[in-house]
Amino acid sequence: MANILNIKTSISGEDSVSSRLSQVVIDRLLEKEPFSKVVVRNLATEPIPHMEFEHFSAFNVSEAEKTDAQKELTRFSDQAIMEIQDADIIVIGVPFYNFSIPSTLKSWIDHISIAGKTFSYADGHVKGLLKNKKVYLNFAVGGIYDNGIVDNMEIYLRTFFGFIGISDVEVFKTEGTMLPELKDENMLLTRGEIEAAIA
């Protein structure tokens, strides 16, 4: 049995291709381990606030010394870190918005990148503290790009997860989701890749 954290980031709701890809991944995982638990974190409907100085300052105060206001400021981070610490598998839908990841996903990243909780600078070196976890990234891209911009998103997310200790990252990607002549065919191809990879 595994604990699966499903992170949704698309504003498209039921029409979201990235969320549909994530669901294919989760369905395959549940076929293998049917008693696994799935926790859904929808950053589109329940976004984490963008990082501000007040949040950052509150992170540097010990739990025993935090005021009620500081506890409120860090509760988003505390919840998100608890969810990823508890998860064995993290499944993330990543739509392509204006040449980058959704800003809500960046906020989530900022709020879980906390020294002493997900990484440390022990002995002067960065050490990721999250171990024995796997991440599935499911990219949905509206157009077709050959300039490396989509690859940059993947590199960024792989680098981040490596920073917090997660090196087992698998990527699935479908492009042309806004092009009717390509959308269904490419989605079917990606679905096949997922089913073959999670056998």
Protein backbone atom coordinates (compact mmCIF):
# COMPACT_ATOMS: atom_id res chain seq x y z
CA MET A 1 0.00 0.00 0.00
CA ALA A 2 1.27 3.45 -0.93
CA ASN A 3 0.36 6.99 0.01
CA ILE A 4 -0.19 8.96 -3.21
CA LEU A 5 -0.27 12.76 -3.27
CA ASN A 6 -2.07 14.09 -6.35
CA ILE A 7 -1.24 17.74 -6.97
CA LYS A 8 -3.52 19.50 -9.44
CA THR A 9 -2.53 22.89 -10.81
CA SER A 10 -4.70 23.45 -13.87
CA ILE A 11 -7.38 26.15 -13.96
CA SER A 12 -9.31 24.12 -16.55
CA GLY A 13 -11.11 21.87 -14.09
CA GLU A 14 -12.64 18.76 -15.68
CA ASP A 15 -11.22 19.78 -19.07
CA SER A 16 -7.64 19.75 -17.82
CA VAL A 17 -5.36 17.52 -19.88
CA SER A 18 -2.62 17.52 -17.24
CA SER A 19 -5.11 16.35 -14.61
CA ARG A 20 -6.37 13.63 -16.95
CA LEU A 21 -2.81 12.40 -17.47
CA SER A 22 -2.27 12.39 -13.71
CA GLN A 23 -5.43 10.32 -13.29
CA VAL A 24 -4.14 7.76 -15.79
CA VAL A 25 -0.98 7.48 -13.68
CA ILE A 26 -2.97 7.11 -10.46
CA ASP A 27 -5.32 4.53 -11.99
CA ARG A 28 -2.31 2.43 -13.03
CA LEU A 29 -0.78 2.75 -9.58
CA LEU A 30 -4.06 1.68 -7.97
CA GLU A 31 -4.26 -1.32 -10.26
CA LYS A 32 -0.90 -2.42 -8.86
CA GLU A 33 -1.68 -1.52 -5.25
CA PRO A 34 -5.47 -1.18 -4.90
CA PHE A 35 -5.41 -0.32 -1.20
CA SER A 36 -3.25 2.75 -1.70
CA LYS A 37 -4.48 6.05 -0.30
CA VAL A 38 -4.83 9.09 -2.58
CA VAL A 39 -4.71 12.63 -1.16
CA VAL A 40 -5.68 15.41 -3.57
CA ARG A 41 -4.23 18.89 -3.28
CA ASN A 42 -5.89 21.20 -5.83
CA LEU A 43 -3.78 24.33 -6.05
CA ALA A 44 -6.11 25.87 -8.61
CA THR A 45 -9.12 25.90 -6.29
CA GLU A 46 -7.20 26.23 -3.01
CA PRO A 47 -4.02 28.13 -3.87
CA ILE A 48 -1.17 28.66 -1.46
CA PRO A 49 -0.34 32.38 -1.14
CA HIS A 50 2.67 33.67 -2.99
CA MET A 51 5.67 33.98 -0.73
CA GLU A 52 5.99 37.33 1.01
CA PHE A 53 8.43 38.64 3.59
CA GLU A 54 6.01 37.95 6.45
CA HIS A 55 5.85 34.25 5.51
CA PHE A 56 9.62 33.99 5.22
CA SER A 57 10.16 35.72 8.56
CA ALA A 58 7.70 33.42 10.32
CA PHE A 59 9.57 30.35 9.06
CA ASN A 60 12.60 31.44 11.07
CA VAL A 61 10.74 31.51 14.40
CA SER A 62 10.63 28.33 16.49
CA GLU A 63 7.22 26.72 16.89
CA ALA A 64 7.19 27.42 20.64
CA GLU A 65 7.83 31.13 20.09
CA LYS A 66 5.42 31.78 17.21
CA THR A 67 2.57 34.18 17.73
CA ASP A 68 -0.91 33.25 16.53
CA ALA A 69 -0.38 35.48 13.51
CA GLN A 70 2.89 33.71 12.65
CA LYS A 71 1.24 30.31 13.02
CA GLU A 72 -1.41 31.42 10.56
CA LEU A 73 1.28 32.56 8.13
CA THR A 74 3.08 29.19 8.26
CA ARG A 75 0.04 26.90 8.23
CA PHE A 76 0.11 26.68 4.42
CA SER A 77 3.70 25.52 4.53
CA ASP A 78 3.11 23.18 7.46
CA GLN A 79 0.22 21.47 5.67
CA ALA A 80 2.03 21.16 2.34
CA ILE A 81 5.19 19.78 3.97
CA MET A 82 3.20 17.27 6.01
CA GLU A 83 1.48 16.04 2.83
CA ILE A 84 4.71 15.55 0.91
CA GLN A 85 6.46 13.97 3.90
CA ASP A 86 3.61 11.47 4.26
CA ALA A 87 3.54 10.64 0.55
CA ASP A 88 5.38 7.74 -1.05
CA ILE A 89 4.42 8.90 -4.54
CA ILE A 90 3.75 12.45 -5.75
CA VAL A 91 1.76 12.85 -8.98
CA ILE A 92 1.72 16.38 -10.40
CA GLY A 93 -0.22 17.75 -13.35
CA VAL A 94 1.78 20.54 -14.99
CA PRO A 95 0.05 22.66 -17.64
CA PHE A 96 2.15 25.02 -19.73
CA TYR A 97 1.17 28.63 -18.95
CA ASN A 98 2.91 31.50 -20.74
CA PHE A 99 6.14 29.55 -21.21
CA SER A 100 6.35 28.34 -17.62
CA ILE A 101 4.71 26.34 -14.85
CA PRO A 102 1.58 27.70 -13.13
CA SER A 103 2.35 30.32 -10.51
CA THR A 104 0.37 28.28 -7.98
CA LEU A 105 2.84 25.42 -8.38
CA LYS A 106 5.73 27.85 -7.84
CA SER A 107 4.04 29.02 -4.62
CA TRP A 108 3.76 25.42 -3.46
CA ILE A 109 7.45 24.92 -4.20
CA ASP A 110 8.37 28.07 -2.25
CA HIS A 111 6.35 26.96 0.77
CA ILE A 112 7.86 23.48 0.95
CA SER A 113 11.45 24.66 0.44
CA ILE A 114 12.12 25.13 4.13
CA ALA A 115 15.56 24.59 5.67
CA GLY A 116 15.49 21.96 8.38
CA LYS A 117 12.32 20.37 7.03
CA THR A 118 12.88 19.44 3.40
CA PHE A 119 16.59 20.28 3.07
CA SER A 120 19.54 21.29 5.19
CA TYR A 121 22.96 22.87 4.80
CA ALA A 122 24.71 20.32 7.01
CA ASP A 123 28.50 20.59 6.89
CA GLY A 124 28.19 23.42 4.39
CA HIS A 125 26.59 21.20 1.76
CA VAL A 126 22.98 21.02 0.64
CA LYS A 127 21.28 17.83 1.77
CA GLY A 128 17.78 16.88 0.68
CA LEU A 129 15.74 15.45 3.55
CA LEU A 130 12.93 13.73 1.62
CA LYS A 131 13.94 10.18 0.80
CA ASN A 132 12.41 7.06 -0.75
CA LYS A 133 9.82 8.94 -2.78
CA LYS A 134 8.89 8.95 -6.45
CA VAL A 135 7.50 11.84 -8.51
CA TYR A 136 5.47 11.61 -11.70
CA LEU A 137 5.31 14.86 -13.69
CA ASN A 138 2.54 15.07 -16.27
CA PHE A 139 3.05 17.92 -18.72
CA ALA A 140 0.32 19.25 -20.99
CA VAL A 141 1.43 21.75 -23.61
CA GLY A 142 -1.02 23.59 -25.83
CA GLY A 143 1.28 24.07 -28.82
CA ILE A 144 4.31 22.41 -30.35
CA TYR A 145 7.66 23.97 -29.41
CA ASP A 146 11.12 23.09 -30.66
CA ASN A 147 13.06 25.82 -28.83
CA GLY A 148 13.68 23.86 -25.61
CA ILE A 149 11.28 25.89 -23.48
CA VAL A 150 9.33 22.82 -22.38
CA ASP A 151 12.56 21.00 -21.58
CA ASN A 152 13.52 23.93 -19.34
CA MET A 153 10.40 23.35 -17.24
CA GLU A 154 11.35 19.71 -16.81
CA ILE A 155 14.94 20.59 -15.89
CA TYR A 156 13.72 23.13 -13.33
CA LEU A 157 11.37 20.67 -11.62
CA ARG A 158 13.89 17.82 -11.66
CA THR A 159 16.47 20.16 -10.13
CA PHE A 160 14.07 21.27 -7.42
CA PHE A 161 13.03 17.76 -6.43
CA GLY A 162 16.67 16.66 -6.42
CA PHE A 163 17.41 19.59 -4.10
CA ILE A 164 14.92 18.29 -1.51
CA GLY A 165 16.14 14.71 -1.88
CA ILE A 166 13.89 13.18 -4.55
CA SER A 167 15.85 11.94 -7.55
CA ASP A 168 13.35 9.36 -8.83
CA VAL A 169 11.34 11.56 -11.20
CA GLU A 170 9.45 10.20 -14.21
CA VAL A 171 8.03 12.50 -16.87
CA PHE A 172 5.10 12.09 -19.24
CA LYS A 173 4.31 14.79 -21.76
CA THR A 174 1.63 15.52 -24.33
CA GLU A 175 1.81 18.47 -26.70
CA GLY A 176 -0.60 20.10 -29.12
CA THR A 177 -3.49 20.06 -26.65
CA MET A 178 -4.91 23.23 -28.24
CA LEU A 179 -4.63 21.81 -31.76
CA PRO A 180 -7.72 19.72 -32.63
CA GLU A 181 -5.87 17.73 -35.27
CA LEU A 182 -3.25 16.59 -32.73
CA LYS A 183 -4.86 16.66 -29.28
CA ASP A 184 -6.61 13.28 -29.21
CA GLU A 185 -3.87 11.40 -31.04
CA ASN A 186 -1.10 12.77 -28.84
CA MET A 187 -3.11 12.17 -25.66
CA LEU A 188 -3.63 8.56 -26.72
CA LEU A 189 0.10 8.14 -27.37
CA THR A 190 1.00 9.56 -23.95
CA ARG A 191 -1.59 7.38 -22.27
CA GLY A 192 0.06 4.38 -23.90
CA GLU A 193 3.46 5.51 -22.62
CA ILE A 194 2.08 5.72 -19.08
CA GLU A 195 0.46 2.31 -19.24
CA ALA A 196 3.65 0.75 -20.59
CA ALA A 197 5.86 2.45 -18.00
CA ILE A 198 3.67 1.56 -15.01
CA ALA A 199 3.12 -2.09 -15.83
